[in-house]
Amino acid sequence: MSSKLVGNAWGEILHRESDGILELRWLPGKMTDAAFKATLALYVWEAEKVRPSFLLIDATQFRHQFGPNVMQWRDDCIIPRYGAAGVKKFAFHVPAGFPGTVEDGGKEVFEGPAVFPTAWFTKRQHALDWFRKG
């Protein structure tokens, strides 16, 4: 069972304490780069507080197109904090047709400065199963 910890206009953060999962569900609607950054900052703040083993981002409703340097900001300012919070695995739940998903032969990877693997899934249950494996 999930409990909602916090949210804003762009996302809500849920904690499945019994499974060690902290989830960010992106909400539909218009978003700026600043709103994206604010939401990720909120997510990492919650990760630092609850210290989950697993992070899950539900991006099935995410439609924002990043501006220049946003992903570099994420690599520099957010990813190391996830690692410091003790995250062991990071999964994205994405819409069907998204490239590089496990269902289409994609593999887990260590992205940028991450000390944990990340994998992309079109089926939410596959992400949850991956968390439970090894």
Protein backbone atom coordinates (compact mmCIF):
# COMPACT_ATOMS: atom_id res chain seq x y z
CA MET A 1 0.00 0.00 0.00
CA SER A 2 1.27 3.44 -0.95
CA SER A 3 0.96 6.60 1.06
CA LYS A 4 1.22 10.02 -0.52
CA LEU A 5 4.00 12.00 1.13
CA VAL A 6 3.83 15.25 -0.80
CA GLY A 7 3.09 16.70 -4.21
CA ASN A 8 2.89 19.82 -6.31
CA ALA A 9 1.18 20.86 -9.53
CA TRP A 10 3.44 18.61 -11.62
CA GLY A 11 3.84 15.42 -9.61
CA GLU A 12 3.04 13.44 -6.51
CA ILE A 13 5.42 11.45 -4.38
CA LEU A 14 4.28 8.14 -2.92
CA HIS A 15 6.01 5.85 -0.46
CA ARG A 16 5.53 2.08 -0.44
CA GLU A 17 7.38 1.57 2.81
CA SER A 18 6.87 -2.21 2.98
CA ASP A 19 8.52 -2.56 -0.47
CA GLY A 20 11.20 0.10 0.03
CA ILE A 21 9.92 2.10 -2.97
CA LEU A 22 9.65 5.86 -3.33
CA GLU A 23 7.65 6.80 -6.42
CA LEU A 24 7.26 10.02 -8.34
CA ARG A 25 4.17 10.12 -10.53
CA TRP A 26 4.32 12.89 -13.08
CA LEU A 27 0.93 14.54 -13.61
CA PRO A 28 -0.39 15.67 -16.99
CA GLY A 29 -0.14 19.33 -17.82
CA LYS A 30 2.22 22.04 -18.93
CA MET A 31 5.59 22.22 -17.20
CA THR A 32 8.65 24.44 -17.44
CA ASP A 33 12.26 23.43 -16.83
CA ALA A 34 12.03 25.23 -13.47
CA ALA A 35 8.96 23.19 -12.53
CA PHE A 36 10.74 19.98 -13.54
CA LYS A 37 13.73 20.92 -11.39
CA ALA A 38 11.54 21.89 -8.44
CA THR A 39 9.73 18.56 -8.60
CA LEU A 40 12.95 16.52 -8.81
CA ALA A 41 14.37 18.54 -5.90
CA LEU A 42 11.27 17.66 -3.88
CA TYR A 43 11.64 13.98 -4.84
CA VAL A 44 15.30 13.79 -3.85
CA TRP A 45 14.51 15.58 -0.58
CA GLU A 46 11.97 12.87 0.23
CA ALA A 47 14.47 10.17 -0.81
CA GLU A 48 16.99 11.60 1.62
CA LYS A 49 14.39 11.49 4.40
CA VAL A 50 12.95 7.98 3.84
CA ARG A 51 16.12 6.36 2.38
CA PRO A 52 14.35 3.92 0.02
CA SER A 53 16.08 1.01 -1.66
CA PHE A 54 14.25 1.68 -4.91
CA LEU A 55 13.13 4.71 -6.88
CA LEU A 56 10.31 4.52 -9.41
CA ILE A 57 9.27 7.33 -11.71
CA ASP A 58 5.95 6.94 -13.47
CA ALA A 59 6.51 8.96 -16.63
CA THR A 60 3.51 7.60 -18.52
CA GLN A 61 1.93 11.10 -18.49
CA PHE A 62 5.17 13.09 -18.75
CA ARG A 63 5.24 15.35 -21.83
CA HIS A 64 7.86 18.02 -21.07
CA GLN A 65 10.69 18.66 -23.53
CA PHE A 66 13.90 19.61 -21.69
CA GLY A 67 15.75 22.81 -22.42
CA PRO A 68 19.54 23.05 -22.63
CA ASN A 69 21.57 21.81 -19.66
CA VAL A 70 18.60 20.39 -17.71
CA MET A 71 19.89 16.82 -17.81
CA GLN A 72 23.38 18.00 -16.88
CA TRP A 73 21.83 19.75 -13.86
CA ARG A 74 20.12 16.44 -12.98
CA ASP A 75 23.42 14.56 -13.24
CA ASP A 76 25.26 17.15 -11.15
CA CYS A 77 22.67 18.06 -8.52
CA ILE A 78 20.21 15.18 -8.16
CA ILE A 79 21.75 11.82 -9.08
CA PRO A 80 24.54 11.93 -6.45
CA ARG A 81 21.96 12.66 -3.77
CA TYR A 82 19.95 9.57 -4.77
CA GLY A 83 23.10 7.51 -4.31
CA ALA A 84 23.82 9.13 -0.94
CA ALA A 85 20.26 8.24 0.13
CA GLY A 86 21.12 4.54 -0.36
CA VAL A 87 19.19 3.85 -3.57
CA LYS A 88 20.00 0.42 -5.02
CA LYS A 89 17.90 0.51 -8.23
CA PHE A 90 16.06 3.17 -10.23
CA ALA A 91 13.22 2.36 -12.66
CA PHE A 92 11.20 4.42 -15.09
CA HIS A 93 7.68 3.38 -16.10
CA VAL A 94 7.20 4.84 -19.59
CA PRO A 95 4.53 4.70 -22.31
CA ALA A 96 4.48 1.92 -24.90
CA GLY A 97 6.80 2.65 -27.81
CA PHE A 98 9.44 4.35 -25.66
CA PRO A 99 12.92 3.35 -26.91
CA GLY A 100 15.30 1.19 -24.87
CA THR A 101 12.83 -0.49 -22.57
CA VAL A 102 13.53 -3.85 -20.99
CA GLU A 103 10.50 -5.27 -22.78
CA ASP A 104 12.16 -4.37 -26.11
CA GLY A 105 15.56 -5.79 -25.17
CA GLY A 106 17.01 -2.83 -23.26
CA LYS A 107 19.27 -3.49 -20.29
CA GLU A 108 19.86 -1.86 -16.96
CA VAL A 109 22.64 0.75 -17.10
CA PHE A 110 24.59 2.96 -14.74
CA GLU A 111 23.71 6.42 -16.09
CA GLY A 112 26.09 9.34 -15.66
CA PRO A 113 27.39 9.58 -12.09
CA ALA A 114 24.91 7.02 -10.69
CA VAL A 115 26.12 4.32 -8.27
CA PHE A 116 22.96 2.29 -8.95
CA PRO A 117 21.49 0.77 -12.13
CA THR A 118 18.59 2.33 -14.00
CA ALA A 119 16.14 0.47 -16.26
CA TRP A 120 13.17 1.56 -18.37
CA PHE A 121 9.90 -0.42 -18.46
CA THR A 122 6.59 -0.15 -20.30
CA LYS A 123 4.95 -2.52 -17.80
CA ARG A 124 4.85 -1.30 -14.21
CA GLN A 125 4.82 -4.86 -12.84
CA HIS A 126 8.07 -5.61 -14.66
CA ALA A 127 9.73 -2.72 -12.82
CA LEU A 128 8.42 -4.00 -9.48
CA ASP A 129 9.65 -7.52 -10.30
CA TRP A 130 13.09 -6.12 -11.23
CA PHE A 131 13.32 -4.42 -7.84
CA ARG A 132 12.75 -7.77 -6.12
CA LYS A 133 15.43 -9.61 -8.14
CA GLY A 134 18.92 -9.88 -6.68
